[in-house]
C-alpha atoms as a PDB file:
ATOM      1  CA  UNK A   1     -36.958   0.657 -21.763  1.00  0.00           C
ATOM      2  CA  UNK A   2     -34.228   1.146 -19.196  1.00  0.00           C
ATOM      3  CA  UNK A   3     -34.949   1.514 -15.529  1.00  0.00           C
ATOM      4  CA  UNK A   4     -33.905   4.518 -13.435  1.00  0.00           C
ATOM      5  CA  UNK A   5     -31.518   2.405 -11.334  1.00  0.00           C
ATOM      6  CA  UNK A   6     -29.738   1.138 -14.451  1.00  0.00           C
ATOM      7  CA  UNK A   7     -29.320   4.645 -15.844  1.00  0.00           C
ATOM      8  CA  UNK A   8     -28.005   5.983 -12.545  1.00  0.00           C
ATOM      9  CA  UNK A   9     -25.469   3.167 -12.303  1.00  0.00           C
ATOM     10  CA  UNK A  10     -24.254   3.804 -15.839  1.00  0.00           C
ATOM     11  CA  UNK A  11     -23.917   7.532 -15.146  1.00  0.00           C
ATOM     12  CA  UNK A  12     -21.895   6.842 -11.994  1.00  0.00           C
ATOM     13  CA  UNK A  13     -19.568   4.472 -13.835  1.00  0.00           C
ATOM     14  CA  UNK A  14     -19.075   6.958 -16.668  1.00  0.00           C
ATOM     15  CA  UNK A  15     -18.287   9.782 -14.233  1.00  0.00           C
ATOM     16  CA  UNK A  16     -15.743   7.748 -12.243  1.00  0.00           C
ATOM     17  CA  UNK A  17     -13.944   6.203 -15.231  1.00  0.00           C
ATOM     18  CA  UNK A  18     -11.332   8.998 -15.671  1.00  0.00           C
ATOM     19  CA  UNK A  19     -10.318   8.710 -12.011  1.00  0.00           C
ATOM     20  CA  UNK A  20      -9.839   4.937 -11.953  1.00  0.00           C
ATOM     21  CA  UNK A  21      -6.217   5.020 -13.122  1.00  0.00           C
ATOM     22  CA  UNK A  22      -5.340   7.723 -10.574  1.00  0.00           C
ATOM     23  CA  UNK A  23      -6.930   5.741  -7.760  1.00  0.00           C
ATOM     24  CA  UNK A  24      -5.131   2.588  -8.896  1.00  0.00           C
ATOM     25  CA  UNK A  25      -1.747   4.356  -8.968  1.00  0.00           C
ATOM     26  CA  UNK A  26      -2.306   5.848  -5.496  1.00  0.00           C
ATOM     27  CA  UNK A  27      -3.250   2.393  -4.186  1.00  0.00           C
ATOM     28  CA  UNK A  28      -0.200   0.707  -5.674  1.00  0.00           C
ATOM     29  CA  UNK A  29       2.206   3.419  -4.484  1.00  0.00           C
ATOM     30  CA  UNK A  30       0.600   3.338  -1.036  1.00  0.00           C
ATOM     31  CA  UNK A  31       0.966  -0.426  -0.823  1.00  0.00           C
ATOM     32  CA  UNK A  32       4.644  -0.256  -1.793  1.00  0.00           C
ATOM     33  CA  UNK A  33       5.247   2.525   0.762  1.00  0.00           C
ATOM     34  CA  UNK A  34       3.474   0.558   3.505  1.00  0.00           C
ATOM     35  CA  UNK A  35       5.517  -2.571   2.790  1.00  0.00           C
ATOM     36  CA  UNK A  36       8.769  -0.588   2.703  1.00  0.00           C
ATOM     37  CA  UNK A  37       8.084   1.291   5.947  1.00  0.00           C
ATOM     38  CA  UNK A  38       6.861  -1.882   7.625  1.00  0.00           C
ATOM     39  CA  UNK A  39       9.991  -3.768   6.584  1.00  0.00           C
ATOM     40  CA  UNK A  40      12.259  -1.047   7.973  1.00  0.00           C
ATOM     41  CA  UNK A  41      10.294  -1.024  11.233  1.00  0.00           C
ATOM     42  CA  UNK A  42      10.461  -4.816  11.489  1.00  0.00           C
ATOM     43  CA  UNK A  43      14.218  -4.910  10.889  1.00  0.00           C
ATOM     44  CA  UNK A  44      14.748  -2.218  13.525  1.00  0.00           C
ATOM     45  CA  UNK A  45      12.551  -3.896  16.116  1.00  0.00           C
ATOM     46  CA  UNK A  46      13.649  -6.432  18.722  1.00  0.00           C
ATOM     47  CA  UNK A  47      14.919  -9.562  17.054  1.00  0.00           C
ATOM     48  CA  UNK A  48      12.870 -12.769  17.298  1.00  0.00           C
ATOM     49  CA  UNK A  49      14.337 -15.730  19.176  1.00  0.00           C
ATOM     50  CA  UNK A  50      17.321 -17.121  17.279  1.00  0.00           C
ATOM     51  CA  UNK A  51      17.914 -13.922  15.288  1.00  0.00           C
ATOM     52  CA  UNK A  52      19.606 -11.844  18.014  1.00  0.00           C
ATOM     53  CA  UNK A  53      23.137 -12.195  16.599  1.00  0.00           C
ATOM     54  CA  UNK A  54      22.250 -11.885  12.916  1.00  0.00           C
ATOM     55  CA  UNK A  55      23.513  -8.845  11.032  1.00  0.00           C
ATOM     56  CA  UNK A  56      21.176  -6.177   9.710  1.00  0.00           C
ATOM     57  CA  UNK A  57      21.078  -5.835   5.889  1.00  0.00           C
ATOM     58  CA  UNK A  58      23.120  -2.878   4.606  1.00  0.00           C
ATOM     59  CA  UNK A  59      20.143  -1.286   2.824  1.00  0.00           C
ATOM     60  CA  UNK A  60      18.138  -0.950   6.073  1.00  0.00           C
ATOM     61  CA  UNK A  61      18.925   2.285   7.957  1.00  0.00           C
ATOM     62  CA  UNK A  62      19.711   2.082  11.666  1.00  0.00           C
ATOM     63  CA  UNK A  63      17.059   3.970  13.624  1.00  0.00           C
ATOM     64  CA  UNK A  64      18.081   4.833  17.169  1.00  0.00           C
ATOM     65  CA  UNK A  65      15.548   4.997  20.000  1.00  0.00           C
END
């Protein structure tokens, strides 16, 4: 005989199964977007000591203040 808690957990897992792939895709795309935006912001920020005269990579857009 199955307990009520076990049945509820199984029902929750069955209901959320179709949405798992959508949630995973949103998470992956969000992570890639966050890394990309963060990299652009870092490259456009003040240079760390020793990097002041280094050239910016061509793929990074120049954002003016």
